[in-house]
Structures are given as C-alpha cells and as structure tokens.
C-alpha cells in the first residue's frame, strides 16, 4: 500500500511539473496573439482583421502587450494599436485582463492629455466591433 501511495504521489508531482513546463512554453508573442484573437472573436469577426503583436513583456502570470489591428491585407501603419494587460490562466493560455489605451498612426494615446484635443482619439478610432474603452 505504501508503494502505491508513493507511486501516486510521484505521478502527481510529475504531472504538476509537466503542466508548469507547458505553461512556461506558452510565454510567446504567438500565444498572446492567440489569446487576443480568441477573446475578441467572442464578440467580433476577427477574420477581417490582421493582428500583429508588436511587443510583449512577460512577468510571471501577466504580460503587457502592444497589439496592432489592421484591415486584413492592409498596411499595419494604417491600423490601430492597443495596449493590453494579459493574464495566463491555469490552463496555460493567455486572456485579456484589461485594455490600457488605443492609438492610430500619428495620434496620441486615448486618455493622454493630447487625446482630448484629437478627433481621432475618440471611440470611433477603434477597430470595427471593438468594445468601447472603459467598459
């Protein structure tokens, strides 16, 4: 009986180590992109958008990601950039925790002092179907 208990404990420990290793392997820009697309696809037709992860900074189970959205086949320079705080859940996948700001090419970030005077700093600069900021 003690042998079976020891084997079961070893199997659980190995399983936890494997799951932990899998989660670490998911700390990639592609995994973050998949999380952004998956979360936004619940409400929006993401097949019409190119999603480009410009940068991502990982820290434990959170990441700061800068993501550009452009019309499929269009130029990223004509797209819109969003800053997201992502969170890795126990399943090893990344999920949007919050949106920080949005910018369009050559315009200040939404919420910045300069955005109040910018017509493109309004909600209308978000990609089609993107939820309004602050909601």
Protein backbone atom coordinates (compact mmCIF):
# COMPACT_ATOMS: atom_id res chain seq x y z
CA UNK A 1 0.00 0.00 0.00
CA UNK A 2 2.84 2.39 0.83
CA UNK A 3 4.37 1.69 -2.59
CA UNK A 4 1.11 2.58 -4.37
CA UNK A 5 0.84 5.80 -2.35
CA UNK A 6 4.42 6.72 -3.22
CA UNK A 7 3.80 5.99 -6.93
CA UNK A 8 0.62 8.08 -6.91
CA UNK A 9 2.43 10.98 -5.21
CA UNK A 10 5.27 10.77 -7.74
CA UNK A 11 2.77 10.73 -10.62
CA UNK A 12 1.03 13.83 -9.26
CA UNK A 13 4.34 15.62 -8.85
CA UNK A 14 5.38 14.75 -12.41
CA UNK A 15 2.01 15.91 -13.70
CA UNK A 16 2.36 19.25 -11.93
CA UNK A 17 5.88 19.70 -13.30
CA UNK A 18 4.73 18.90 -16.83
CA UNK A 19 1.81 21.32 -16.58
CA UNK A 20 4.13 24.00 -15.21
CA UNK A 21 6.58 23.45 -18.06
CA UNK A 22 3.78 23.65 -20.62
CA UNK A 23 2.63 26.97 -19.20
CA UNK A 24 6.15 28.38 -19.47
CA UNK A 25 6.40 27.28 -23.11
CA UNK A 26 3.32 29.41 -23.78
CA UNK A 27 5.16 32.66 -22.97
CA UNK A 28 5.44 33.68 -26.61
CA UNK A 29 4.08 36.53 -28.73
CA UNK A 30 2.12 33.96 -30.75
CA UNK A 31 0.41 32.64 -27.61
CA UNK A 32 -0.53 36.20 -26.63
CA UNK A 33 -1.88 36.82 -30.15
CA UNK A 34 -3.99 33.68 -29.91
CA UNK A 35 -5.40 34.91 -26.60
CA UNK A 36 -6.27 38.35 -28.00
CA UNK A 37 -7.92 36.85 -31.10
CA UNK A 38 -9.80 34.22 -29.07
CA UNK A 39 -11.14 36.77 -26.58
CA UNK A 40 -12.15 39.36 -29.19
CA UNK A 41 -13.64 36.72 -31.51
CA UNK A 42 -16.35 36.11 -28.89
CA UNK A 43 -17.87 39.44 -29.94
CA UNK A 44 -16.25 40.39 -33.25
CA UNK A 45 -15.47 38.97 -36.68
CA UNK A 46 -11.70 38.75 -36.39
CA UNK A 47 -11.38 37.17 -39.87
CA UNK A 48 -11.46 40.71 -41.30
CA UNK A 49 -8.50 41.88 -39.20
CA UNK A 50 -4.77 41.30 -39.22
CA UNK A 51 -3.49 41.10 -35.65
CA UNK A 52 0.17 41.89 -35.06
CA UNK A 53 1.82 41.63 -31.65
CA UNK A 54 4.33 44.49 -31.81
CA UNK A 55 5.84 43.81 -28.40
CA UNK A 56 5.18 41.82 -25.27
CA UNK A 57 6.77 41.88 -21.84
CA UNK A 58 6.18 38.83 -19.65
CA UNK A 59 6.18 38.86 -15.84
CA UNK A 60 5.06 35.72 -14.08
CA UNK A 61 1.38 35.21 -14.98
CA UNK A 62 0.88 38.64 -16.55
CA UNK A 63 2.14 40.30 -19.69
CA UNK A 64 1.95 43.77 -21.22
CA UNK A 65 1.27 43.51 -24.94
CA UNK A 66 1.17 46.13 -27.67
CA UNK A 67 -1.04 44.85 -30.48
CA UNK A 68 -1.79 46.44 -33.85
CA UNK A 69 -5.06 45.78 -35.68
CA UNK A 70 -5.32 46.47 -39.40
CA UNK A 71 -7.85 45.62 -42.07
CA UNK A 72 -6.90 42.20 -43.48
CA UNK A 73 -4.34 42.68 -46.22
CA UNK A 74 -3.94 46.37 -45.39
CA UNK A 75 -0.97 48.22 -44.04
CA UNK A 76 -0.17 47.98 -40.34
CA UNK A 77 0.82 51.65 -40.48
CA UNK A 78 -2.83 52.46 -41.20
CA UNK A 79 -4.05 50.29 -38.34
CA UNK A 80 -4.76 50.95 -34.70
CA UNK A 81 -2.60 49.95 -31.76
CA UNK A 82 -3.99 48.69 -28.44
CA UNK A 83 -2.13 48.06 -25.21
CA UNK A 84 -3.36 45.07 -23.25
CA UNK A 85 -2.58 43.56 -19.90
CA UNK A 86 -2.79 39.82 -20.45
CA UNK A 87 -3.18 37.14 -17.80
CA UNK A 88 -2.11 33.49 -18.10
CA UNK A 89 -4.69 31.21 -16.52
CA UNK A 90 -4.14 27.75 -15.07
CA UNK A 91 -4.87 26.22 -18.49
CA UNK A 92 -1.64 27.88 -19.73
CA UNK A 93 -3.46 30.19 -22.14
CA UNK A 94 -3.39 33.98 -22.20
CA UNK A 95 -6.56 36.05 -21.68
CA UNK A 96 -7.19 39.79 -21.90
CA UNK A 97 -7.24 41.17 -18.37
CA UNK A 98 -7.61 44.85 -19.36
CA UNK A 99 -7.11 47.34 -22.18
CA UNK A 100 -4.76 50.19 -21.46
CA UNK A 101 -5.03 52.54 -24.45
CA UNK A 102 -5.56 52.88 -28.19
CA UNK A 103 -3.69 54.90 -30.78
CA UNK A 104 -3.93 55.40 -34.50
CA UNK A 105 -0.90 56.29 -36.60
CA UNK A 106 0.46 59.70 -35.61
CA UNK A 107 -2.10 60.27 -32.86
CA UNK A 108 -1.76 60.38 -29.06
CA UNK A 109 -2.97 57.51 -26.89
CA UNK A 110 -6.55 57.61 -25.68
CA UNK A 111 -6.54 59.05 -22.18
CA UNK A 112 -3.34 61.03 -22.72
CA UNK A 113 -3.50 64.84 -22.25
CA UNK A 114 -3.17 65.37 -26.02
CA UNK A 115 -6.03 62.98 -26.81
CA UNK A 116 -8.65 65.42 -25.51
CA UNK A 117 -7.92 67.71 -28.46
CA UNK A 118 -7.66 64.93 -31.03
CA UNK A 119 -10.70 63.97 -33.08
CA UNK A 120 -9.20 60.54 -33.76
CA UNK A 121 -8.72 59.91 -30.02
CA UNK A 122 -12.45 59.18 -29.85
CA UNK A 123 -14.20 55.82 -29.67
CA UNK A 124 -14.61 55.92 -33.46
CA UNK A 125 -10.91 55.11 -33.94
CA UNK A 126 -11.36 51.61 -32.53
CA UNK A 127 -11.47 48.67 -34.96
CA UNK A 128 -14.97 47.76 -36.12
CA UNK A 129 -16.78 45.95 -33.33
CA UNK A 130 -14.11 46.54 -30.62
CA UNK A 131 -15.72 47.26 -27.25
CA UNK A 132 -15.72 50.87 -26.11
CA UNK A 133 -12.82 51.80 -23.85
CA UNK A 134 -13.53 51.99 -20.16
CA UNK A 135 -16.21 49.30 -20.23
